[in-house]
C-alpha atoms as a PDB file:
ATOM      1  CA  MET A   1     -23.881 -60.268 129.216  1.00  0.00           C
ATOM      2  CA  ALA A   2     -22.946 -60.649 132.871  1.00  0.00           C
ATOM      3  CA  LYS A   3     -25.819 -61.516 135.181  1.00  0.00           C
ATOM      4  CA  ILE A   4     -25.992 -60.332 138.770  1.00  0.00           C
ATOM      5  CA  GLU A   5     -27.531 -63.600 139.943  1.00  0.00           C
ATOM      6  CA  ASN A   6     -24.441 -65.508 138.714  1.00  0.00           C
ATOM      7  CA  TYR A   7     -21.960 -63.581 140.846  1.00  0.00           C
ATOM      8  CA  PRO A   8     -22.255 -65.698 144.026  1.00  0.00           C
ATOM      9  CA  ASN A   9     -21.349 -68.778 141.944  1.00  0.00           C
ATOM     10  CA  ALA A  10     -18.571 -66.835 140.215  1.00  0.00           C
ATOM     11  CA  TYR A  11     -17.144 -65.827 143.596  1.00  0.00           C
ATOM     12  CA  LYS A  12     -17.054 -69.516 144.525  1.00  0.00           C
ATOM     13  CA  GLU A  13     -15.162 -70.331 141.324  1.00  0.00           C
ATOM     14  CA  VAL A  14     -12.703 -67.495 141.948  1.00  0.00           C
ATOM     15  CA  TYR A  15     -12.207 -68.617 145.551  1.00  0.00           C
ATOM     16  CA  VAL A  16     -11.431 -72.193 144.453  1.00  0.00           C
ATOM     17  CA  ILE A  17      -9.032 -70.908 141.784  1.00  0.00           C
ATOM     18  CA  LEU A  18      -7.238 -68.643 144.275  1.00  0.00           C
ATOM     19  CA  ASN A  19      -6.880 -71.536 146.718  1.00  0.00           C
ATOM     20  CA  ASN A  20      -5.193 -73.607 143.993  1.00  0.00           C
ATOM     21  CA  MET A  21      -2.774 -70.865 142.950  1.00  0.00           C
ATOM     22  CA  ASN A  22       0.769 -70.329 144.067  1.00  0.00           C
ATOM     23  CA  PRO A  23       0.600 -68.575 147.472  1.00  0.00           C
ATOM     24  CA  ASP A  24       3.143 -65.997 146.278  1.00  0.00           C
ATOM     25  CA  ASP A  25       0.648 -64.861 143.630  1.00  0.00           C
ATOM     26  CA  THR A  26      -2.275 -64.634 146.019  1.00  0.00           C
ATOM     27  CA  LYS A  27      -0.255 -62.571 148.493  1.00  0.00           C
ATOM     28  CA  ALA A  28      -0.589 -59.619 146.132  1.00  0.00           C
ATOM     29  CA  ILE A  29      -4.358 -59.587 146.738  1.00  0.00           C
ATOM     30  CA  PRO A  30      -5.357 -57.837 149.972  1.00  0.00           C
ATOM     31  CA  LYS A  31      -6.932 -60.071 152.628  1.00  0.00           C
ATOM     32  CA  LEU A  32      -9.967 -57.781 152.653  1.00  0.00           C
ATOM     33  CA  VAL A  33     -10.654 -58.582 148.983  1.00  0.00           C
ATOM     34  CA  ILE A  34     -10.251 -62.325 149.544  1.00  0.00           C
ATOM     35  CA  ASN A  35     -12.585 -62.144 152.556  1.00  0.00           C
ATOM     36  CA  LYS A  36     -15.203 -60.302 150.475  1.00  0.00           C
ATOM     37  CA  ILE A  37     -14.987 -63.005 147.819  1.00  0.00           C
ATOM     38  CA  LYS A  38     -15.350 -65.677 150.506  1.00  0.00           C
ATOM     39  CA  ASN A  39     -18.316 -63.918 152.163  1.00  0.00           C
ATOM     40  CA  LYS A  40     -20.163 -63.314 148.876  1.00  0.00           C
ATOM     41  CA  MET A  41     -19.679 -66.794 147.395  1.00  0.00           C
ATOM     42  CA  ASN A  42     -22.397 -69.413 147.168  1.00  0.00           C
ATOM     43  CA  GLU A  43     -21.273 -72.136 149.596  1.00  0.00           C
ATOM     44  CA  ASN A  44     -23.657 -74.669 148.025  1.00  0.00           C
ATOM     45  CA  TYR A  45     -22.363 -74.226 144.484  1.00  0.00           C
ATOM     46  CA  GLU A  46     -20.215 -77.152 143.375  1.00  0.00           C
ATOM     47  CA  PHE A  47     -17.137 -76.219 141.394  1.00  0.00           C
ATOM     48  CA  LYS A  48     -14.118 -78.407 140.830  1.00  0.00           C
ATOM     49  CA  LEU A  49     -11.030 -77.013 139.186  1.00  0.00           C
ATOM     50  CA  ASP A  50      -9.549 -79.627 136.873  1.00  0.00           C
ATOM     51  CA  LEU A  51      -5.810 -79.355 137.459  1.00  0.00           C
ATOM     52  CA  ASN A  52      -5.107 -81.643 134.488  1.00  0.00           C
ATOM     53  CA  VAL A  53      -6.656 -79.163 132.049  1.00  0.00           C
ATOM     54  CA  ASN A  54      -4.922 -75.978 130.902  1.00  0.00           C
ATOM     55  CA  PHE A  55      -6.421 -72.932 132.641  1.00  0.00           C
ATOM     56  CA  GLU A  56      -7.509 -71.331 129.350  1.00  0.00           C
ATOM     57  CA  LYS A  57      -9.607 -74.430 128.613  1.00  0.00           C
ATOM     58  CA  GLN A  58     -11.368 -74.508 131.998  1.00  0.00           C
ATOM     59  CA  ILE A  59     -15.118 -74.032 131.800  1.00  0.00           C
ATOM     60  CA  LEU A  60     -15.806 -70.894 133.833  1.00  0.00           C
ATOM     61  CA  LEU A  61     -18.724 -68.528 134.188  1.00  0.00           C
ATOM     62  CA  LYS A  62     -18.404 -65.262 132.307  1.00  0.00           C
ATOM     63  CA  GLU A  63     -18.704 -63.464 135.643  1.00  0.00           C
ATOM     64  CA  THR A  64     -15.746 -65.484 136.967  1.00  0.00           C
ATOM     65  CA  LYS A  65     -13.641 -64.286 134.056  1.00  0.00           C
ATOM     66  CA  ILE A  66     -14.688 -60.706 134.781  1.00  0.00           C
ATOM     67  CA  ILE A  67     -13.633 -61.001 138.437  1.00  0.00           C
ATOM     68  CA  LEU A  68     -10.334 -62.636 137.498  1.00  0.00           C
ATOM     69  CA  ALA A  69      -9.681 -59.892 134.941  1.00  0.00           C
ATOM     70  CA  TYR A  70     -10.308 -57.311 137.658  1.00  0.00           C
ATOM     71  CA  LEU A  71      -7.894 -59.087 140.016  1.00  0.00           C
ATOM     72  CA  PHE A  72      -5.274 -59.358 137.292  1.00  0.00           C
ATOM     73  CA  LEU A  73      -5.592 -55.713 136.295  1.00  0.00           C
ATOM     74  CA  ASN A  74      -5.417 -54.430 139.861  1.00  0.00           C
ATOM     75  CA  TYR A  75      -2.981 -56.811 141.589  1.00  0.00           C
ATOM     76  CA  TRP A  76      -0.863 -58.811 139.133  1.00  0.00           C
ATOM     77  CA  ALA A  77      -0.457 -56.772 135.939  1.00  0.00           C
ATOM     78  CA  THR A  78       2.659 -54.741 135.277  1.00  0.00           C
ATOM     79  CA  ASP A  79       2.329 -51.104 134.234  1.00  0.00           C
ATOM     80  CA  GLU A  80       2.943 -52.114 130.619  1.00  0.00           C
ATOM     81  CA  GLN A  81       0.229 -54.790 130.766  1.00  0.00           C
ATOM     82  CA  ARG A  82      -2.197 -52.317 132.355  1.00  0.00           C
ATOM     83  CA  LYS A  83      -1.587 -49.819 129.569  1.00  0.00           C
ATOM     84  CA  LYS A  84      -2.189 -52.478 126.911  1.00  0.00           C
ATOM     85  CA  ILE A  85      -5.394 -53.618 128.608  1.00  0.00           C
ATOM     86  CA  GLU A  86      -6.685 -50.070 129.046  1.00  0.00           C
ATOM     87  CA  LYS A  87      -5.876 -49.337 125.392  1.00  0.00           C
ATOM     88  CA  LYS A  88      -7.779 -52.477 124.356  1.00  0.00           C
ATOM     89  CA  PHE A  89     -10.760 -51.479 126.544  1.00  0.00           C
ATOM     90  CA  MET A  90     -10.810 -48.013 124.987  1.00  0.00           C
ATOM     91  CA  GLN A  91     -10.633 -49.488 121.481  1.00  0.00           C
ATOM     92  CA  ASP A  92     -13.525 -51.844 122.322  1.00  0.00           C
ATOM     93  CA  ILE A  93     -15.586 -48.899 123.595  1.00  0.00           C
ATOM     94  CA  ILE A  94     -14.853 -46.896 120.442  1.00  0.00           C
ATOM     95  CA  ASN A  95     -15.800 -49.877 118.243  1.00  0.00           C
ATOM     96  CA  GLU A  96     -19.074 -50.334 120.156  1.00  0.00           C
ATOM     97  CA  GLU A  97     -19.926 -46.648 119.734  1.00  0.00           C
ATOM     98  CA  GLN A  98     -19.220 -46.845 116.003  1.00  0.00           C
ATOM     99  CA  LYS A  99     -21.531 -49.865 115.700  1.00  0.00           C
ATOM    100  CA  LYS A 100     -24.262 -47.920 117.506  1.00  0.00           C
ATOM    101  CA  ARG A 101     -23.820 -44.941 115.177  1.00  0.00           C
ATOM    102  CA  ILE A 102     -24.031 -47.152 112.102  1.00  0.00           C
ATOM    103  CA  TYR A 103     -27.125 -48.862 113.511  1.00  0.00           C
ATOM    104  CA  LYS A 104     -28.765 -45.505 114.255  1.00  0.00           C
ATOM    105  CA  LEU A 105     -27.873 -44.229 110.780  1.00  0.00           C
ATOM    106  CA  ASP A 106     -29.333 -47.360 109.171  1.00  0.00           C
ATOM    107  CA  ASN A 107     -32.529 -46.930 111.205  1.00  0.00           C
ATOM    108  CA  LEU A 108     -32.708 -43.265 110.264  1.00  0.00           C
ATOM    109  CA  LEU A 109     -32.338 -44.075 106.577  1.00  0.00           C
ATOM    110  CA  GLU A 110     -34.874 -46.883 106.855  1.00  0.00           C
ATOM    111  CA  ASN A 111     -37.322 -44.613 108.664  1.00  0.00           C
ATOM    112  CA  THR A 112     -36.818 -41.922 106.016  1.00  0.00           C
ATOM    113  CA  GLN A 113     -37.526 -44.436 103.258  1.00  0.00           C
ATOM    114  CA  ASN A 114     -40.590 -45.698 105.146  1.00  0.00           C
ATOM    115  CA  ARG A 115     -41.883 -42.135 105.537  1.00  0.00           C
ATOM    116  CA  LYS A 116     -41.464 -41.483 101.815  1.00  0.00           C
ATOM    117  CA  SER A 117     -43.344 -44.693 101.011  1.00  0.00           C
ATOM    118  CA  ILE A 118     -46.162 -43.770 103.395  1.00  0.00           C
ATOM    119  CA  GLN A 119     -46.395 -40.271 101.922  1.00  0.00           C
ATOM    120  CA  LYS A 120     -46.640 -41.749  98.427  1.00  0.00           C
ATOM    121  CA  LEU A 121     -49.405 -44.068  99.601  1.00  0.00           C
ATOM    122  CA  GLU A 122     -51.242 -41.233 101.335  1.00  0.00           C
ATOM    123  CA  ASN A 123     -51.062 -39.171  98.175  1.00  0.00           C
ATOM    124  CA  LYS A 124     -52.490 -42.027  96.144  1.00  0.00           C
ATOM    125  CA  VAL A 125     -55.217 -42.969  98.612  1.00  0.00           C
ATOM    126  CA  VAL A 126     -56.699 -39.521  99.074  1.00  0.00           C
ATOM    127  CA  VAL A 127     -60.155 -39.445  97.490  1.00  0.00           C
ATOM    128  CA  TYR A 128     -62.135 -36.253  97.307  1.00  0.00           C
ATOM    129  CA  ASN A 129     -65.881 -36.753  97.854  1.00  0.00           C
ATOM    130  CA  LYS A 130     -67.841 -33.849  96.466  1.00  0.00           C
ATOM    131  CA  GLU A 131     -71.463 -33.588  97.496  1.00  0.00           C
ATOM    132  CA  ASN A 132     -73.838 -32.959  94.669  1.00  0.00           C
ATOM    133  CA  ILE A 133     -76.108 -29.916  94.865  1.00  0.00           C
ATOM    134  CA  ILE A 134     -79.238 -31.847  95.855  1.00  0.00           C
ATOM    135  CA  LYS A 135     -77.511 -33.486  98.857  1.00  0.00           C
ATOM    136  CA  LYS A 136     -76.213 -30.086  99.968  1.00  0.00           C
ATOM    137  CA  ILE A 137     -79.719 -28.567  99.911  1.00  0.00           C
ATOM    138  CA  ILE A 138     -81.182 -31.551 101.813  1.00  0.00           C
ATOM    139  CA  ASN A 139     -78.443 -31.348 104.465  1.00  0.00           C
ATOM    140  CA  ILE A 140     -79.022 -27.590 104.921  1.00  0.00           C
ATOM    141  CA  ILE A 141     -82.768 -28.143 105.356  1.00  0.00           C
ATOM    142  CA  LYS A 142     -82.116 -30.944 107.881  1.00  0.00           C
ATOM    143  CA  ARG A 143     -79.819 -28.670 109.901  1.00  0.00           C
ATOM    144  CA  ILE A 144     -82.400 -25.882 109.951  1.00  0.00           C
ATOM    145  CA  PHE A 145     -85.161 -28.200 111.203  1.00  0.00           C
ATOM    146  CA  THR A 146     -82.967 -29.845 113.838  1.00  0.00           C
ATOM    147  CA  LYS A 147     -81.990 -26.452 115.235  1.00  0.00           C
ATOM    148  CA  LYS A 148     -85.587 -25.345 115.555  1.00  0.00           C
ATOM    149  CA  ASN A 149     -86.672 -28.488 117.404  1.00  0.00           C
END
């Protein structure tokens, strides 16, 4: 899960990556967006891009990947790539919703089974205490005397 407190460090990573990219690629990103990234980044965060390692194998924050995905989707992706990405996002959302439904259904069934078990226990535990006739008479006499006093 992305954490808000990681975004300043992620902006720093994105800024370093953009500075090491081909200038023709970064031209597609508006200056305003690059300035926002620069202004929001954590200046004190140390991040070194290892140019000897393939980009896919770089160790990046999850939030950095999210920002880069946003930049790709909005400034570098072709229409065909955008459609594929949006289709994948929609499929991921549908899959997540299905998982939630299954989880809710499992909980519902479990709760139903628990309720049945509790009802069975309640039925077994119920004990009926019947007062004998002498106790009833004594209790009636006690009530009469307590009301008079």
